[in-house]
Structures are given as structure tokens and as C-alpha cells.
N, C-alpha and C. Protein backbone atom coordinates (compact mmCIF):
# COMPACT_ATOMS: atom_id res chain seq x y z
N UNK A 1 -7.23 93.95 74.47
CA UNK A 1 -5.83 94.16 74.84
C UNK A 1 -5.09 94.68 73.61
N UNK A 2 -4.34 95.73 73.77
CA UNK A 2 -3.63 96.33 72.64
C UNK A 2 -2.32 95.57 72.39
N UNK A 3 -1.73 95.86 71.20
CA UNK A 3 -0.47 95.21 70.84
C UNK A 3 0.66 95.65 71.74
N UNK A 4 0.65 96.90 72.19
CA UNK A 4 1.71 97.40 73.07
C UNK A 4 1.70 96.67 74.40
N UNK A 5 0.50 96.40 74.93
CA UNK A 5 0.39 95.67 76.20
C UNK A 5 0.84 94.22 76.01
N UNK A 6 0.48 93.64 74.89
CA UNK A 6 0.89 92.26 74.62
C UNK A 6 2.40 92.17 74.46
N UNK A 7 3.01 93.16 73.80
CA UNK A 7 4.46 93.14 73.62
C UNK A 7 5.19 93.30 74.94
N UNK A 8 4.65 94.12 75.83
CA UNK A 8 5.35 94.36 77.10
C UNK A 8 5.29 93.15 78.01
N UNK A 9 4.36 92.26 77.76
CA UNK A 9 4.24 91.05 78.60
C UNK A 9 5.05 89.88 78.05
N UNK A 10 5.72 90.08 76.94
CA UNK A 10 6.51 88.98 76.37
C UNK A 10 7.68 88.66 77.29
N UNK A 11 7.89 87.40 77.50
CA UNK A 11 9.02 86.97 78.32
C UNK A 11 10.20 86.67 77.41
N UNK A 12 11.33 86.46 78.04
CA UNK A 12 12.54 86.15 77.29
C UNK A 12 12.38 84.86 76.49
N UNK A 13 11.68 83.89 77.05
CA UNK A 13 11.50 82.60 76.38
C UNK A 13 10.58 82.68 75.17
N UNK A 14 9.87 83.79 74.99
CA UNK A 14 9.01 83.95 73.82
C UNK A 14 9.79 84.31 72.57
N UNK A 15 11.03 84.71 72.73
CA UNK A 15 11.82 85.16 71.59
C UNK A 15 12.50 83.98 70.89
N UNK A 16 12.39 83.88 69.57
CA UNK A 16 13.11 82.83 68.86
C UNK A 16 14.63 83.04 68.93
N UNK A 17 15.07 84.29 69.11
CA UNK A 17 16.50 84.58 69.22
C UNK A 17 17.07 83.98 70.50
N UNK A 18 16.27 83.96 71.55
CA UNK A 18 16.71 83.33 72.80
C UNK A 18 16.97 81.85 72.58
N UNK A 19 16.05 81.19 71.89
CA UNK A 19 16.21 79.76 71.67
C UNK A 19 17.36 79.46 70.72
N UNK A 20 17.54 80.32 69.72
CA UNK A 20 18.69 80.17 68.84
C UNK A 20 19.99 80.31 69.60
N UNK A 21 20.05 81.31 70.49
CA UNK A 21 21.24 81.51 71.32
C UNK A 21 21.47 80.30 72.23
N UNK A 22 20.41 79.82 72.83
CA UNK A 22 20.53 78.66 73.73
C UNK A 22 21.03 77.42 72.99
N UNK A 23 20.48 77.14 71.82
CA UNK A 23 20.91 75.97 71.05
C UNK A 23 22.34 76.12 70.56
N UNK A 24 22.72 77.32 70.13
CA UNK A 24 24.09 77.54 69.67
C UNK A 24 25.09 77.36 70.82
N UNK A 25 24.74 77.84 72.01
CA UNK A 25 25.63 77.66 73.16
C UNK A 25 25.71 76.19 73.58
N UNK A 26 24.60 75.47 73.48
CA UNK A 26 24.64 74.04 73.79
C UNK A 26 25.47 73.28 72.76
N UNK A 27 25.42 73.73 71.51
CA UNK A 27 26.26 73.11 70.48
C UNK A 27 27.73 73.33 70.79
N UNK A 28 28.09 74.54 71.24
CA UNK A 28 29.48 74.80 71.63
C UNK A 28 29.90 73.92 72.80
N UNK A 29 29.01 73.75 73.78
CA UNK A 29 29.33 72.88 74.91
C UNK A 29 29.50 71.44 74.44
N UNK A 30 28.63 70.99 73.55
CA UNK A 30 28.73 69.63 73.02
C UNK A 30 30.02 69.42 72.23
N UNK A 31 30.40 70.42 71.45
CA UNK A 31 31.66 70.32 70.70
C UNK A 31 32.84 70.22 71.65
N UNK A 32 32.79 71.01 72.72
CA UNK A 32 33.87 70.93 73.72
C UNK A 32 33.95 69.56 74.38
N UNK A 33 32.80 68.94 74.60
CA UNK A 33 32.78 67.63 75.25
C UNK A 33 33.24 66.50 74.32
N UNK A 34 32.91 66.59 73.04
CA UNK A 34 33.25 65.48 72.13
C UNK A 34 34.58 65.66 71.44
N UNK A 35 35.25 66.79 71.63
CA UNK A 35 36.49 67.08 70.88
C UNK A 35 37.53 65.96 70.96
N UNK A 36 37.84 65.41 72.15
CA UNK A 36 38.88 64.36 72.17
C UNK A 36 38.48 63.10 71.39
N UNK A 37 37.24 62.67 71.53
CA UNK A 37 36.80 61.47 70.81
C UNK A 37 36.62 61.75 69.32
N UNK A 38 36.24 62.97 68.98
CA UNK A 38 36.07 63.33 67.57
C UNK A 38 37.38 63.19 66.82
N UNK A 39 38.47 63.63 67.42
CA UNK A 39 39.76 63.56 66.74
C UNK A 39 40.15 62.12 66.43
N UNK A 40 39.94 61.23 67.38
CA UNK A 40 40.26 59.81 67.17
C UNK A 40 39.39 59.23 66.07
N UNK A 41 38.10 59.48 66.13
CA UNK A 41 37.16 58.95 65.14
C UNK A 41 37.43 59.55 63.75
N UNK A 42 37.67 60.85 63.71
CA UNK A 42 37.92 61.50 62.43
C UNK A 42 39.20 61.00 61.79
N UNK A 43 40.21 60.69 62.60
CA UNK A 43 41.46 60.13 62.07
C UNK A 43 41.19 58.79 61.37
N UNK A 44 40.33 57.96 61.97
CA UNK A 44 39.99 56.67 61.37
C UNK A 44 39.21 56.85 60.07
N UNK A 45 38.22 57.74 60.10
CA UNK A 45 37.39 57.98 58.91
C UNK A 45 38.23 58.52 57.77
N UNK A 46 39.09 59.49 58.08
CA UNK A 46 39.92 60.07 57.03
C UNK A 46 40.98 59.09 56.53
N UNK A 47 41.46 58.19 57.39
CA UNK A 47 42.40 57.16 56.94
C UNK A 47 41.75 56.22 55.94
N UNK A 48 40.50 55.84 56.22
CA UNK A 48 39.78 54.99 55.27
C UNK A 48 39.52 55.73 53.96
N UNK A 49 39.19 57.01 54.07
CA UNK A 49 38.96 57.82 52.87
C UNK A 49 40.23 57.89 52.02
N UNK A 50 41.36 58.14 52.64
CA UNK A 50 42.62 58.22 51.89
C UNK A 50 42.97 56.88 51.26
N UNK A 51 42.67 55.78 51.96
CA UNK A 51 42.91 54.45 51.40
C UNK A 51 42.04 54.18 50.20
N UNK A 52 40.75 54.53 50.29
CA UNK A 52 39.85 54.35 49.14
C UNK A 52 40.26 55.23 47.97
N UNK A 53 40.74 56.42 48.29
CA UNK A 53 41.19 57.33 47.23
C UNK A 53 42.42 56.75 46.52
N UNK A 54 43.35 56.19 47.27
CA UNK A 54 44.53 55.57 46.66
C UNK A 54 44.13 54.36 45.82
N UNK A 55 43.17 53.56 46.30
CA UNK A 55 42.71 52.40 45.53
C UNK A 55 42.02 52.84 44.24
N UNK A 56 41.25 53.91 44.30
CA UNK A 56 40.59 54.42 43.09
C UNK A 56 41.63 54.93 42.09
N UNK A 57 42.65 55.62 42.59
CA UNK A 57 43.73 56.08 41.71
C UNK A 57 44.44 54.91 41.05
N UNK A 58 44.62 53.84 41.80
CA UNK A 58 45.29 52.65 41.25
C UNK A 58 44.41 51.98 40.20
N UNK A 59 43.10 51.94 40.41
CA UNK A 59 42.20 51.37 39.40
C UNK A 59 42.27 52.18 38.11
N UNK A 60 42.34 53.50 38.23
CA UNK A 60 42.44 54.36 37.05
C UNK A 60 43.76 54.10 36.34
N UNK A 61 44.85 53.94 37.10
CA UNK A 61 46.16 53.64 36.49
C UNK A 61 46.10 52.33 35.72
N UNK A 62 45.52 51.32 36.33
CA UNK A 62 45.47 50.01 35.67
C UNK A 62 44.58 50.03 34.44
N UNK A 63 43.45 50.75 34.52
CA UNK A 63 42.56 50.82 33.35
C UNK A 63 43.20 51.60 32.21
N UNK A 64 44.13 52.49 32.53
CA UNK A 64 44.84 53.25 31.50
C UNK A 64 46.00 52.45 30.91
N UNK A 65 46.25 51.26 31.45
CA UNK A 65 47.30 50.40 30.93
C UNK A 65 48.67 50.69 31.51
N UNK A 66 48.73 51.45 32.59
CA UNK A 66 50.02 51.73 33.22
C UNK A 66 50.43 50.58 34.13
N UNK A 67 51.68 50.58 34.51
CA UNK A 67 52.23 49.53 35.38
C UNK A 67 51.52 49.59 36.74
N UNK A 68 51.01 48.46 37.23
CA UNK A 68 50.35 48.46 38.53
C UNK A 68 51.34 48.73 39.67
N UNK A 69 50.87 49.41 40.67
CA UNK A 69 51.67 49.72 41.86
C UNK A 69 51.06 48.97 43.03
N UNK A 70 51.89 48.32 43.82
CA UNK A 70 51.41 47.62 45.01
C UNK A 70 51.11 48.67 46.09
N UNK A 71 49.85 48.76 46.48
CA UNK A 71 49.45 49.79 47.44
C UNK A 71 50.08 49.57 48.81
N UNK A 72 50.35 48.33 49.17
CA UNK A 72 50.98 48.06 50.46
C UNK A 72 52.42 48.59 50.48
N UNK A 73 53.11 48.47 49.36
CA UNK A 73 54.49 48.99 49.30
C UNK A 73 54.51 50.51 49.22
N UNK A 74 53.52 51.09 48.59
CA UNK A 74 53.47 52.54 48.42
C UNK A 74 52.84 53.25 49.61
N UNK A 75 52.37 52.50 50.60
CA UNK A 75 51.69 53.11 51.75
C UNK A 75 52.68 53.93 52.57
N UNK A 76 52.17 55.07 53.04
CA UNK A 76 52.95 55.95 53.91
C UNK A 76 52.14 56.22 55.17
N UNK A 77 52.80 56.76 56.15
CA UNK A 77 52.13 57.11 57.40
C UNK A 77 51.09 58.20 57.12
N UNK A 78 49.92 58.05 57.70
CA UNK A 78 48.85 59.02 57.47
C UNK A 78 49.24 60.43 57.87
N UNK A 79 50.02 60.56 58.95
CA UNK A 79 50.40 61.89 59.42
C UNK A 79 51.36 62.58 58.46
N UNK A 80 52.11 61.81 57.67
CA UNK A 80 52.96 62.41 56.64
C UNK A 80 52.11 62.92 55.49
N UNK A 81 51.14 62.12 55.09
CA UNK A 81 50.30 62.46 53.95
C UNK A 81 49.33 63.59 54.32
N UNK A 82 48.68 63.47 55.45
CA UNK A 82 47.66 64.42 55.88
C UNK A 82 47.90 64.76 57.35
N UNK A 83 48.77 65.75 57.65
CA UNK A 83 49.09 66.04 59.04
C UNK A 83 47.91 66.58 59.84
N UNK A 84 47.02 67.34 59.21
CA UNK A 84 45.84 67.88 59.90
C UNK A 84 44.60 67.13 59.46
N UNK A 85 43.49 67.49 60.03
CA UNK A 85 42.23 66.86 59.64
C UNK A 85 41.71 67.48 58.35
N UNK A 86 41.03 66.68 57.55
CA UNK A 86 40.37 67.20 56.36
C UNK A 86 39.20 68.08 56.79
N UNK A 87 38.46 67.62 57.79
CA UNK A 87 37.36 68.40 58.36
C UNK A 87 37.70 68.68 59.82
N UNK A 88 38.32 69.82 60.11
CA UNK A 88 38.68 70.12 61.50
C UNK A 88 37.46 70.53 62.32
N UNK A 89 37.53 70.29 63.60
CA UNK A 89 36.41 70.58 64.50
C UNK A 89 36.22 72.07 64.71
N UNK A 90 37.27 72.86 64.53
CA UNK A 90 37.13 74.28 64.78
C UNK A 90 36.15 74.93 63.81
N UNK A 91 35.93 74.32 62.63
CA UNK A 91 34.97 74.91 61.69
C UNK A 91 33.55 74.84 62.25
N UNK A 92 33.22 73.72 62.89
CA UNK A 92 31.91 73.59 63.52
C UNK A 92 31.79 74.54 64.71
N UNK A 93 32.87 74.65 65.49
CA UNK A 93 32.86 75.55 66.65
C UNK A 93 32.72 77.00 66.20
N UNK A 94 33.39 77.37 65.13
CA UNK A 94 33.29 78.74 64.62
C UNK A 94 31.88 79.04 64.12
N UNK A 95 31.28 78.09 63.45
CA UNK A 95 29.90 78.28 62.98
C UNK A 95 28.93 78.43 64.13
N UNK A 96 29.10 77.61 65.15
CA UNK A 96 28.22 77.69 66.31
C UNK A 96 28.45 78.98 67.09
N UNK A 97 29.70 79.40 67.22
CA UNK A 97 29.99 80.66 67.91
C UNK A 97 29.43 81.84 67.13
N UNK A 98 29.51 81.79 65.81
CA UNK A 98 28.94 82.86 64.99
C UNK A 98 27.43 82.93 65.15
N UNK A 99 26.79 81.76 65.17
CA UNK A 99 25.34 81.72 65.37
C UNK A 99 24.97 82.26 66.75
N UNK A 100 25.75 81.91 67.76
CA UNK A 100 25.49 82.40 69.12
C UNK A 100 25.65 83.92 69.18
N UNK A 101 26.68 84.45 68.55
CA UNK A 101 26.90 85.90 68.55
C UNK A 101 25.77 86.62 67.81
N UNK A 102 25.36 86.09 66.66
CA UNK A 102 24.28 86.72 65.91
C UNK A 102 22.96 86.67 66.67
N UNK A 103 22.65 85.54 67.26
CA UNK A 103 21.41 85.41 68.03
C UNK A 103 21.46 86.30 69.27
N UNK A 104 22.60 86.37 69.92
CA UNK A 104 22.74 87.24 71.09
C UNK A 104 22.56 88.71 70.73
N UNK A 105 23.13 89.12 69.60
CA UNK A 105 22.98 90.51 69.15
C UNK A 105 21.52 90.81 68.80
N UNK A 106 20.86 89.90 68.12
CA UNK A 106 19.47 90.13 67.76
C UNK A 106 18.57 90.10 69.00
N UNK A 107 18.88 89.24 69.95
CA UNK A 107 18.10 89.21 71.19
C UNK A 107 18.27 90.51 71.96
N UNK A 108 19.48 91.02 72.03
CA UNK A 108 19.73 92.29 72.71
C UNK A 108 18.98 93.42 72.01
N UNK A 109 19.02 93.41 70.69
CA UNK A 109 18.33 94.44 69.92
C UNK A 109 16.82 94.38 70.15
N UNK A 110 16.30 93.17 70.17
CA UNK A 110 14.86 92.99 70.38
C UNK A 110 14.46 93.43 71.79
N UNK A 111 15.23 93.08 72.78
CA UNK A 111 14.90 93.41 74.17
C UNK A 111 15.07 94.91 74.42
N UNK A 112 15.97 95.54 73.71
CA UNK A 112 16.20 96.97 73.89
C UNK A 112 14.99 97.78 73.41
N UNK A 113 14.31 97.27 72.39
CA UNK A 113 13.15 97.97 71.82
C UNK A 113 11.92 97.89 72.71
N UNK A 114 11.82 96.83 73.51
CA UNK A 114 10.61 96.65 74.32
C UNK A 114 10.60 97.64 75.49
N UNK A 115 9.45 98.21 75.80
CA UNK A 115 9.38 99.08 76.97
C UNK A 115 9.47 98.25 78.24
N UNK A 116 9.96 98.83 79.33
CA UNK A 116 10.07 98.07 80.58
C UNK A 116 8.68 97.64 81.08
N UNK A 117 8.65 96.52 81.75
CA UNK A 117 7.37 95.96 82.24
C UNK A 117 6.89 96.71 83.45
């Protein structure tokens, strides 16, 4: 069997670009499904991060011999300090959409080269 005959018998599922496209599209669907819960969870994670960051800053102040600040009195609303997310979900969606577009373009290019069956 020649290489040309073997290539013409390749199915769509034989292409790694097809699987890359499929996984990227499933990632986009998953991001769409988890978006509401992600925002709630990310708000909690980032709130703890900001609290630990403030505590670390206070430890540095105290070790430098400066007047200690009561963190409870200096606390502000998280939305004032950080109105948006530190890690927004759109960055993951953009990466997945870019991967889907690239895989789709390469799959189209690959399929265009193959002779009809």
C-alpha cells in the first residue's frame, strides 16, 4: 500500500489537530459552566491572599521598628481595594479560544491538502 493511499484513508479522528480543537472547545464549554462559581471562589481566594499580604507588610513594618498598625482597624472592603479579579476568567477563555482557532485553522489546512476519498 502506498503512502498516498494510506493518506487518503485517514479519517478526521486521526488528526491531532481535531483532538486539539475538540479539547479546546470542551475547555470553553467548561469555562462557561463554571464561570458563576469561579467568581465566588476566586473572590474568597483573593481575599485571603490580600489579607496575608497585609499581614506580611505589617510584619515587615514591625521588624523595621515602625509603629504597629492594627490590621482590623486598617481593614477596608475588598471591592475598594481590588475591584476586579487578580486572575480574571477571561484570560483562560481567551487562551482556550486561541487554541481552538489555531487547531481549527491547522485542521482545515491539513484536510485541504488531502485528496478526496
